Protein backbone atom coordinates (compact mmCIF):
# COMPACT_ATOMS: atom_id res chain seq x y z
CA UNK A 1 107.78 133.36 78.96
CA UNK A 2 106.36 130.15 80.40
CA UNK A 3 108.42 127.82 82.52
CA UNK A 4 109.80 125.01 80.36
CA UNK A 5 110.43 121.38 81.26
CA UNK A 6 113.81 120.73 79.66
CA UNK A 7 114.31 117.17 80.94
CA UNK A 8 111.95 114.60 82.37
CA UNK A 9 111.59 110.82 82.71
CA UNK A 10 111.43 109.19 79.30
CA UNK A 11 108.56 106.80 80.03
CA UNK A 12 105.19 107.43 81.74
CA UNK A 13 105.65 104.34 83.95
CA UNK A 14 108.18 104.89 86.73
CA UNK A 15 109.77 102.41 89.12
CA UNK A 16 110.19 104.60 92.21
CA UNK A 17 113.67 103.20 92.77
CA UNK A 18 115.07 105.01 89.75
CA UNK A 19 116.15 108.66 89.62
CA UNK A 20 113.06 110.79 88.92
CA UNK A 21 114.81 113.80 87.38
CA UNK A 22 113.14 116.96 86.12
CA UNK A 23 115.02 119.99 84.79
CA UNK A 24 113.10 123.25 84.34
CA UNK A 25 114.07 126.63 82.93
CA UNK A 26 112.84 130.14 82.34
CA UNK A 27 115.63 132.05 80.65
CA UNK A 28 113.79 135.36 80.48
CA UNK A 29 113.04 135.48 84.20
CA UNK A 30 116.47 134.19 85.26
CA UNK A 31 118.21 136.83 83.14
CA UNK A 32 115.98 139.75 84.09
CA UNK A 33 115.06 139.35 87.75
CA UNK A 34 116.56 138.52 91.14
CA UNK A 35 115.83 135.92 93.82
CA UNK A 36 114.53 133.47 91.22
CA UNK A 37 113.11 130.22 92.53
CA UNK A 38 111.75 127.26 90.63
CA UNK A 39 108.79 125.73 92.46
CA UNK A 40 107.49 122.18 92.05
CA UNK A 41 104.03 121.33 93.35
CA UNK A 42 103.89 117.55 93.53
CA UNK A 43 100.52 115.81 93.29
CA UNK A 44 100.30 112.10 94.14
CA UNK A 45 96.96 110.39 93.79
CA UNK A 46 95.77 106.91 94.76
CA UNK A 47 92.75 107.14 92.45
CA UNK A 48 92.78 109.02 89.12
CA UNK A 49 95.29 111.60 87.83
CA UNK A 50 95.01 114.98 89.52
CA UNK A 51 93.25 117.64 87.44
CA UNK A 52 95.31 120.62 88.58
CA UNK A 53 93.52 123.94 89.08
CA UNK A 54 94.08 127.10 91.08
CA UNK A 55 92.38 125.48 94.07
CA UNK A 56 94.31 122.20 93.96
CA UNK A 57 96.25 121.32 97.11
CA UNK A 58 99.61 119.65 96.36
CA UNK A 59 100.91 116.65 98.26
CA UNK A 60 104.21 118.47 98.71
CA UNK A 61 105.96 121.60 97.43
CA UNK A 62 109.68 121.97 96.70
CA UNK A 63 111.86 124.89 95.66
CA UNK A 64 115.30 125.20 94.14
CA UNK A 65 117.44 128.02 92.80
CA UNK A 66 118.87 128.17 89.28
CA UNK A 67 122.28 126.54 88.97
CA UNK A 68 125.20 128.03 87.01
CA UNK A 69 123.49 127.03 83.77
CA UNK A 70 120.33 128.89 84.80
CA UNK A 71 118.12 125.83 85.23
CA UNK A 72 116.57 124.10 88.22
CA UNK A 73 117.12 120.38 88.75
CA UNK A 74 114.80 118.23 90.89
CA UNK A 75 115.12 114.57 91.85
CA UNK A 76 111.82 113.33 93.31
CA UNK A 77 112.91 109.74 93.98
CA UNK A 78 113.08 110.11 97.77
CA UNK A 79 109.67 111.75 97.73
CA UNK A 80 107.69 109.37 95.56
CA UNK A 81 109.08 106.17 97.10
CA UNK A 82 107.32 107.12 100.35
CA UNK A 83 103.92 106.95 98.69
CA UNK A 84 104.02 103.36 97.44
CA UNK A 85 104.53 100.19 99.44
CA UNK A 86 103.96 96.46 99.37
CA UNK A 87 100.45 95.05 99.11
CA UNK A 88 100.06 92.59 101.97
CA UNK A 89 96.28 92.49 102.11
CA UNK A 90 93.87 91.83 99.28
CA UNK A 91 91.80 94.69 97.93
CA UNK A 92 88.09 94.87 98.53
CA UNK A 93 85.92 92.93 96.01
CA UNK A 94 88.45 90.10 95.80
CA UNK A 95 87.56 86.91 97.68
CA UNK A 96 88.88 84.03 99.77
CA UNK A 97 87.10 80.67 99.64
CA UNK A 98 84.08 82.45 98.20
CA UNK A 99 83.91 85.11 100.93
CA UNK A 100 84.20 88.64 99.57
CA UNK A 101 87.02 90.78 100.86
CA UNK A 102 85.71 93.86 102.66
CA UNK A 103 86.87 96.18 105.42
CA UNK A 104 85.11 93.87 107.87
CA UNK A 105 86.41 90.63 106.30
CA UNK A 106 90.01 91.32 105.26
CA UNK A 107 92.14 88.59 103.68
CA UNK A 108 95.89 88.24 103.08
CA UNK A 109 96.74 88.89 99.45
CA UNK A 110 98.49 85.53 98.99
CA UNK A 111 95.27 83.61 99.73
CA UNK A 112 93.00 85.19 97.11
CA UNK A 113 90.71 83.03 95.02
CA UNK A 114 91.20 84.71 91.65
CA UNK A 115 92.12 88.38 91.12
CA UNK A 116 92.89 91.29 93.38
CA UNK A 117 93.51 94.93 92.59
CA UNK A 118 96.50 96.67 94.08
CA UNK A 119 96.00 98.87 97.13
CA UNK A 120 99.36 100.57 97.74
CA UNK A 121 101.77 99.38 95.05
CA UNK A 122 100.92 102.06 92.45
CA UNK A 123 100.12 105.78 92.41
CA UNK A 124 99.63 108.63 89.94
CA UNK A 125 102.22 111.44 89.86
CA UNK A 126 101.67 114.89 88.35
CA UNK A 127 103.91 117.93 88.90
CA UNK A 128 103.18 121.60 88.33
CA UNK A 129 106.25 123.80 87.91
CA UNK A 130 106.29 127.54 88.60
CA UNK A 131 108.82 130.33 88.50
CA UNK A 132 108.99 132.78 91.39
CA UNK A 133 111.04 135.99 91.48
CA UNK A 134 111.33 139.48 92.96
CA UNK A 135 110.04 142.18 90.58
CA UNK A 136 111.07 145.81 90.19
CA UNK A 137 108.79 146.82 93.08
CA UNK A 138 110.58 144.35 95.40
CA UNK A 139 107.46 142.19 95.47
CA UNK A 140 107.79 138.39 95.37
CA UNK A 141 105.57 137.16 92.56
CA UNK A 142 104.65 133.81 91.04
CA UNK A 143 102.69 134.58 87.85
CA UNK A 144 100.20 131.95 86.76
CA UNK A 145 101.21 132.56 83.16
CA UNK A 146 104.55 130.92 83.98
CA UNK A 147 103.00 127.66 85.23
CA UNK A 148 103.55 124.39 83.37
CA UNK A 149 102.30 120.89 84.18
CA UNK A 150 104.03 117.59 83.54
CA UNK A 151 102.35 114.61 81.96
CA UNK A 152 100.78 112.08 84.30
CA UNK A 153 103.16 109.36 85.45
CA UNK A 154 102.33 105.96 86.93
CA UNK A 155 104.50 105.12 89.93
CA UNK A 156 105.21 101.50 90.86
CA UNK A 157 106.85 100.10 93.97
CA UNK A 158 109.86 98.76 92.08
CA UNK A 159 113.58 99.41 92.03
CA UNK A 160 116.30 99.12 89.41
CA UNK A 161 119.47 97.09 89.62
CA UNK A 162 122.71 98.48 88.24
CA UNK A 163 122.48 95.85 85.50
CA UNK A 164 119.10 97.15 84.28
CA UNK A 165 119.61 99.06 81.05
CA UNK A 166 118.36 102.65 80.83
CA UNK A 167 117.22 104.15 77.52
CA UNK A 168 118.01 107.67 76.32
CA UNK A 169 115.63 109.78 74.26
CA UNK A 170 116.31 111.13 70.79
CA UNK A 171 115.87 114.50 69.08
CA UNK A 172 113.96 116.93 71.28
CA UNK A 173 113.94 114.40 74.13
CA UNK A 174 117.65 113.53 73.87
CA UNK A 175 118.29 114.38 77.53
CA UNK A 176 115.43 112.27 78.84
CA UNK A 177 116.19 108.82 80.18
CA UNK A 178 114.35 105.98 81.87
CA UNK A 179 113.75 102.28 82.18
CA UNK A 180 111.16 100.74 79.88
CA UNK A 181 108.57 98.52 81.53
CA UNK A 182 107.32 97.54 78.08
CA UNK A 183 108.02 93.83 78.57
CA UNK A 184 105.68 93.89 81.56
CA UNK A 185 102.81 95.60 79.73
CA UNK A 186 101.22 92.43 78.49
CA UNK A 187 100.67 92.52 74.73
CA UNK A 188 102.67 89.63 73.21
CA UNK A 189 103.48 86.01 74.00
CA UNK A 190 106.97 87.01 75.18
CA UNK A 191 105.84 89.55 77.81
CA UNK A 192 106.29 88.82 81.49
CA UNK A 193 104.50 88.89 84.78
CA UNK A 194 106.13 91.01 87.49
CA UNK A 195 108.78 88.54 88.57
CA UNK A 196 112.36 87.55 87.83
CA UNK A 197 111.68 83.99 88.94
CA UNK A 198 112.05 81.33 86.26
CA UNK A 199 109.02 80.55 84.12
CA UNK A 200 108.99 77.06 85.62
CA UNK A 201 108.38 76.98 89.37
CA UNK A 202 107.62 74.33 91.96
CA UNK A 203 105.02 74.16 94.71
CA UNK A 204 103.35 71.67 97.00
CA UNK A 205 99.70 70.83 96.57
CA UNK A 206 98.80 72.96 99.63
CA UNK A 207 100.86 76.03 98.68
CA UNK A 208 99.41 79.50 98.11
CA UNK A 209 100.84 82.22 95.88
CA UNK A 210 100.11 84.94 93.33
CA UNK A 211 101.50 86.31 90.09
CA UNK A 212 101.21 90.05 89.40
CA UNK A 213 100.97 91.87 86.10
CA UNK A 214 100.63 95.39 84.74
CA UNK A 215 97.37 96.24 83.01
CA UNK A 216 97.67 99.84 81.74
CA UNK A 217 96.10 99.17 78.33
CA UNK A 218 93.15 96.93 79.22
CA UNK A 219 94.67 94.08 77.20
CA UNK A 220 94.12 91.14 79.56
CA UNK A 221 90.65 89.66 79.18
CA UNK A 222 91.28 86.30 80.84
CA UNK A 223 93.92 84.02 82.29
CA UNK A 224 93.87 80.44 81.13
CA UNK A 225 94.89 77.50 83.29
CA UNK A 226 95.87 74.09 81.92
CA UNK A 227 96.21 71.12 84.26
CA UNK A 228 98.46 68.19 83.37
CA UNK A 229 99.23 64.94 85.17
CA UNK A 230 102.67 63.57 85.96
CA UNK A 231 102.92 62.12 82.43
CA UNK A 232 102.39 65.57 80.88
CA UNK A 233 98.90 64.72 79.61
CA UNK A 234 96.27 67.45 79.88
CA UNK A 235 93.57 66.47 82.36
CA UNK A 236 91.70 69.75 82.72
CA UNK A 237 91.54 73.41 81.79
CA UNK A 238 89.63 76.53 82.65
CA UNK A 239 89.63 80.25 81.92
CA UNK A 240 89.25 82.93 84.58
CA UNK A 241 87.72 86.10 83.15
CA UNK A 242 89.16 89.41 84.20
CA UNK A 243 86.04 91.10 85.53
CA UNK A 244 84.60 92.79 88.61
CA UNK A 245 82.93 89.69 90.02
CA UNK A 246 86.27 87.84 89.97
CA UNK A 247 88.02 90.58 91.95
CA UNK A 248 89.32 92.77 89.10
CA UNK A 249 87.33 95.18 86.92
CA UNK A 250 84.88 95.05 84.05
CA UNK A 251 85.01 98.61 82.73
CA UNK A 252 88.48 100.06 82.23
CA UNK A 253 89.17 103.45 83.84
CA UNK A 254 92.21 105.57 84.76
CA UNK A 255 91.98 104.43 88.39
CA UNK A 256 95.46 103.41 89.50
CA UNK A 257 94.17 100.44 91.50
CA UNK A 258 93.48 98.49 88.28
CA UNK A 259 96.84 99.27 86.65
CA UNK A 260 98.50 96.45 88.60
CA UNK A 261 96.61 93.24 89.32
CA UNK A 262 97.34 90.03 91.20
CA UNK A 263 96.17 86.56 90.25
CA UNK A 264 96.06 83.57 92.61
CA UNK A 265 97.26 80.64 90.52
CA UNK A 266 99.06 78.27 92.89
CA UNK A 267 97.49 74.96 93.97
CA UNK A 268 95.95 76.16 97.24
CA UNK A 269 94.39 79.23 95.59
CA UNK A 270 92.71 76.93 93.08
CA UNK A 271 91.56 74.60 95.84
CA UNK A 272 89.77 77.61 97.34
CA UNK A 273 87.23 77.83 94.53
CA UNK A 274 87.81 75.58 91.49
CA UNK A 275 85.65 72.47 91.48
CA UNK A 276 87.69 71.22 88.50
CA UNK A 277 90.95 71.44 90.41
CA UNK A 278 89.38 70.12 93.62
CA UNK A 279 88.25 67.01 91.72
CA UNK A 280 91.79 66.43 90.42
CA UNK A 281 93.18 66.72 93.94
CA UNK A 282 90.59 64.28 95.29
CA UNK A 283 91.34 61.81 92.48
CA UNK A 284 95.10 62.12 93.09
CA UNK A 285 95.77 62.82 89.41
CA UNK A 286 97.26 66.32 89.70
CA UNK A 287 99.95 65.34 92.23
CA UNK A 288 103.27 65.31 90.40
CA UNK A 289 101.63 67.17 87.52
CA UNK A 290 101.60 70.84 86.62
CA UNK A 291 99.59 74.03 86.18
CA UNK A 292 100.22 76.21 83.13
CA UNK A 293 99.30 79.88 83.55
CA UNK A 294 99.05 82.34 80.65
CA UNK A 295 97.32 85.68 80.06
CA UNK A 296 95.13 86.17 76.98
CA UNK A 297 93.49 88.99 75.07
CA UNK A 298 90.43 87.05 73.99
CA UNK A 299 92.04 84.18 72.05
CA UNK A 300 95.49 85.75 71.67
CA UNK A 301 98.24 84.87 74.18
CA UNK A 302 99.83 88.05 75.57
CA UNK A 303 102.25 86.64 78.15
CA UNK A 304 104.79 83.91 78.53
CA UNK A 305 103.61 80.56 79.78
CA UNK A 306 104.36 80.05 83.46
CA UNK A 307 104.43 76.44 84.62
CA UNK A 308 103.95 75.47 88.25
CA UNK A 309 105.12 71.91 88.79
CA UNK A 310 103.43 70.26 91.74
CA UNK A 311 105.86 68.45 94.03
CA UNK A 312 105.29 64.82 94.90
CA UNK A 313 105.09 64.09 98.65
CA UNK A 314 108.49 64.02 100.35
CA UNK A 315 109.15 60.38 101.24
CA UNK A 316 111.84 61.30 103.77
CA UNK A 317 109.32 63.15 105.90
CA UNK A 318 111.02 66.55 105.76
CA UNK A 319 108.87 69.50 106.75
CA UNK A 320 108.24 71.87 103.85
CA UNK A 321 108.70 75.58 104.55
CA UNK A 322 107.37 78.12 102.07
CA UNK A 323 108.81 81.63 102.00
CA UNK A 324 107.39 84.61 100.18
CA UNK A 325 109.18 87.91 99.72
CA UNK A 326 108.83 91.27 98.03
CA UNK A 327 110.64 91.15 94.70
CA UNK A 328 112.28 93.80 92.53
CA UNK A 329 109.05 94.78 90.81
CA UNK A 330 106.98 95.31 93.95
CA UNK A 331 105.14 91.99 93.65
CA UNK A 332 105.74 88.68 95.46
CA UNK A 333 107.95 85.69 94.76
CA UNK A 334 107.66 82.29 96.45
CA UNK A 335 109.77 79.23 97.07
CA UNK A 336 109.05 76.05 99.02
CA UNK A 337 112.05 74.52 100.79
CA UNK A 338 111.39 70.79 100.76
CA UNK A 339 114.64 69.41 102.13
CA UNK A 340 115.99 69.15 105.67
CA UNK A 341 115.15 72.04 107.97
CA UNK A 342 116.16 72.63 111.58
CA UNK A 343 114.16 74.66 114.10
CA UNK A 344 115.92 76.10 117.13
CA UNK A 345 114.44 78.13 119.97
CA UNK A 346 116.45 80.55 122.06
CA UNK A 347 115.08 82.08 125.25
CA UNK A 348 115.86 85.23 127.15
CA UNK A 349 114.28 86.13 130.43
CA UNK A 350 114.61 88.12 133.60
CA UNK A 351 115.10 86.57 137.06
CA UNK A 352 114.59 87.49 140.69
CA UNK A 353 115.36 86.01 144.12
CA UNK A 354 112.33 84.65 145.97
CA UNK A 355 112.12 84.13 149.71
CA UNK A 356 111.42 80.60 150.87
CA UNK A 357 108.24 79.82 152.81
CA UNK A 358 105.27 82.06 153.63
CA UNK A 359 105.73 85.42 155.36
CA UNK A 360 102.32 87.03 155.16
CA UNK A 361 100.12 84.48 156.89
CA UNK A 362 99.26 83.61 160.51
CA UNK A 363 101.99 80.99 160.69
CA UNK A 364 105.15 80.37 158.75
CA UNK A 365 104.76 77.44 156.40
CA UNK A 366 107.50 75.70 154.46
CA UNK A 367 106.35 75.52 150.83
CA UNK A 368 108.88 73.57 148.82
CA UNK A 369 108.07 75.31 145.53
CA UNK A 370 109.10 78.68 146.91
CA UNK A 371 112.55 80.16 147.29
CA UNK A 372 115.72 80.66 145.25
CA UNK A 373 116.28 82.22 141.83
CA UNK A 374 113.10 82.34 139.77
CA UNK A 375 112.26 83.32 136.21
CA UNK A 376 110.14 86.46 136.13
CA UNK A 377 109.40 86.17 132.41
CA UNK A 378 110.76 84.05 129.56
CA UNK A 379 110.65 85.27 125.95
CA UNK A 380 111.35 82.80 123.15
CA UNK A 381 112.64 83.42 119.62
CA UNK A 382 112.55 80.72 116.93
CA UNK A 383 115.08 80.34 114.13
CA UNK A 384 114.71 78.02 111.16
CA UNK A 385 117.51 76.79 108.93
CA UNK A 386 116.22 75.42 105.63
CA UNK A 387 117.69 73.81 102.56
CA UNK A 388 116.53 74.05 98.98
CA UNK A 389 116.28 71.12 96.63
CA UNK A 390 118.83 70.97 93.84
CA UNK A 391 118.08 73.97 91.64
CA UNK A 392 119.20 75.45 88.33
CA UNK A 393 121.15 78.64 87.67
CA UNK A 394 117.92 80.29 86.50
CA UNK A 395 116.83 80.57 90.13
CA UNK A 396 119.88 82.58 91.21
CA UNK A 397 118.26 85.96 90.55
CA UNK A 398 115.23 84.96 92.57
CA UNK A 399 117.32 83.94 95.58
CA UNK A 400 119.42 87.11 95.27
CA UNK A 401 116.23 89.14 95.60
CA UNK A 402 115.24 87.04 98.61
CA UNK A 403 118.37 88.04 100.50
CA UNK A 404 117.92 91.70 99.47
CA UNK A 405 114.20 91.86 100.22
CA UNK A 406 112.93 94.10 103.04
CA UNK A 407 109.85 91.92 103.55
CA UNK A 408 110.02 88.14 104.01
CA UNK A 409 107.29 85.86 105.36
CA UNK A 410 106.62 82.21 106.05
CA UNK A 411 103.44 81.28 104.22
CA UNK A 412 101.42 78.42 105.61
CA UNK A 413 99.46 76.12 103.32
CA UNK A 414 95.83 75.27 102.64
CA UNK A 415 93.84 74.31 105.71
CA UNK A 416 90.31 74.18 107.05
CA UNK A 417 89.44 77.44 108.79
CA UNK A 418 87.36 77.76 111.91
CA UNK A 419 84.22 79.86 111.96
CA UNK A 420 85.07 83.58 112.03
CA UNK A 421 88.77 82.79 111.81
CA UNK A 422 91.04 85.87 111.72
CA UNK A 423 93.34 83.99 109.28
CA UNK A 424 96.33 85.14 111.35
CA UNK A 425 97.96 81.70 111.08
CA UNK A 426 98.84 81.93 107.38
CA UNK A 427 101.38 84.75 107.03
CA UNK A 428 104.19 84.90 109.59
CA UNK A 429 106.80 87.68 109.40
CA UNK A 430 110.42 86.60 109.57
CA UNK A 431 113.83 88.23 109.27
CA UNK A 432 116.38 86.65 107.00
CA UNK A 433 119.50 86.22 109.13
CA UNK A 434 121.58 84.81 106.28
CA UNK A 435 123.70 87.85 105.44
CA UNK A 436 125.62 86.71 102.37
CA UNK A 437 124.76 84.93 99.16
CA UNK A 438 127.24 83.28 96.81
CA UNK A 439 125.83 82.61 93.36
CA UNK A 440 126.51 79.03 92.42
CA UNK A 441 126.97 77.74 88.88
CA UNK A 442 127.09 74.31 87.33
CA UNK A 443 130.62 75.03 86.11
CA UNK A 444 131.89 75.90 89.58
CA UNK A 445 129.71 73.80 91.86
CA UNK A 446 128.22 70.99 89.75
CA UNK A 447 125.07 70.56 91.83
CA UNK A 448 123.43 73.76 93.13
CA UNK A 449 121.76 73.84 96.52
CA UNK A 450 121.22 76.75 98.92
CA UNK A 451 120.79 77.09 102.67
CA UNK A 452 119.01 80.03 104.32
CA UNK A 453 118.22 80.90 107.92
CA UNK A 454 115.30 82.99 109.11
CA UNK A 455 114.29 84.25 112.51
CA UNK A 456 110.64 84.76 113.41
CA UNK A 457 110.02 88.45 113.91
CA UNK A 458 107.57 88.06 116.75
CA UNK A 459 108.89 87.04 120.15
CA UNK A 460 106.78 84.51 122.06
CA UNK A 461 105.85 86.16 125.34
CA UNK A 462 105.08 83.68 128.08
CA UNK A 463 103.46 84.19 131.47
CA UNK A 464 105.00 86.58 133.96
CA UNK A 465 105.17 85.74 137.66
């Protein structure tokens, strides 16, 4: 009797942060033999689904014994979450200011011109289950006739909150459960990009940023951009085709790298390449206006409209600080803090006692700069306290994810790059030192404003004596 998969994830798309439960059985073997083991050969692929054969080499192999009910239960969550991670760099064939992204010319993901494929945020998962036992001759056997293979699952670098609703199966799949990513598989005008941020966002004219979306069904053919001035009047529009030359793909395949795509749609990304948008910036007509972003299947809208309102210049002279962070769905969220910010620098160094004068020359000479306690090395760490503008309750979830995010960066704005620039000045890692977050509401707090503090991750190392 073949090994049976009694329970498995309900949906073929899996956030790795959920329980990835499989239950397998083989009643005949469990009842008739000893030392029974259920074996799971796990195959994780960064290209196309693994075609399992007798010569296939698994990524990892796990064993378990039957429980009191005679079945084996596996939870692969801690395994699969090690094989996906955040995309920080753009994939090859995307571009930055017209320069193609390659291994020799890498670019940060946030700066892309148009599209980028994912590099590490998604993977294929396939599992082959076997039953092993000791036969009447005391030989340990694993008959191939008892093998069974799961369906192919798409893994995404996402996690679930306790408020996210799981769905149970029905009938023969009644024990299966999972979280549906259907609202992210763009097919209708109510579907979403991979973000919990509000559909209306704000950015400065020099700010970079991306929106990510799932593309498992080859639905997205283009993303349309509509430009409006401060009076809400349309002053320009353009469509960006989803194709290979724009950093995505032309021919749909099962390659996992095209199942999740990024699109650079914030003002600085458009300044990189769009002559239409560049002209609006030069004319000063887009300042205070907006950018509307929406995905289309030919002429049919298949996502919500996302509106990026462009901030007017801050008349008080406050420095704007833009943070980006890894969100719940494995993509990136952004927010520009335009109100008062305070930078503080703390130093820590080692000291030593120096003798006065010269002691290794022909004559002793009194040198006034020598002698006393000296600094051997001084290391400096910078902290920044920043304040948001007045915001709405719809931004609470976004800020909650900021404080929970394992990756936070300061993202610098559009600038003129030097020849052969390494582009290291744009993305600066920071650690959020704000350790608590109180959700504010209009009912409780009237006006809503938040303060966060970050510490730059890299210590400034100065000269040593």
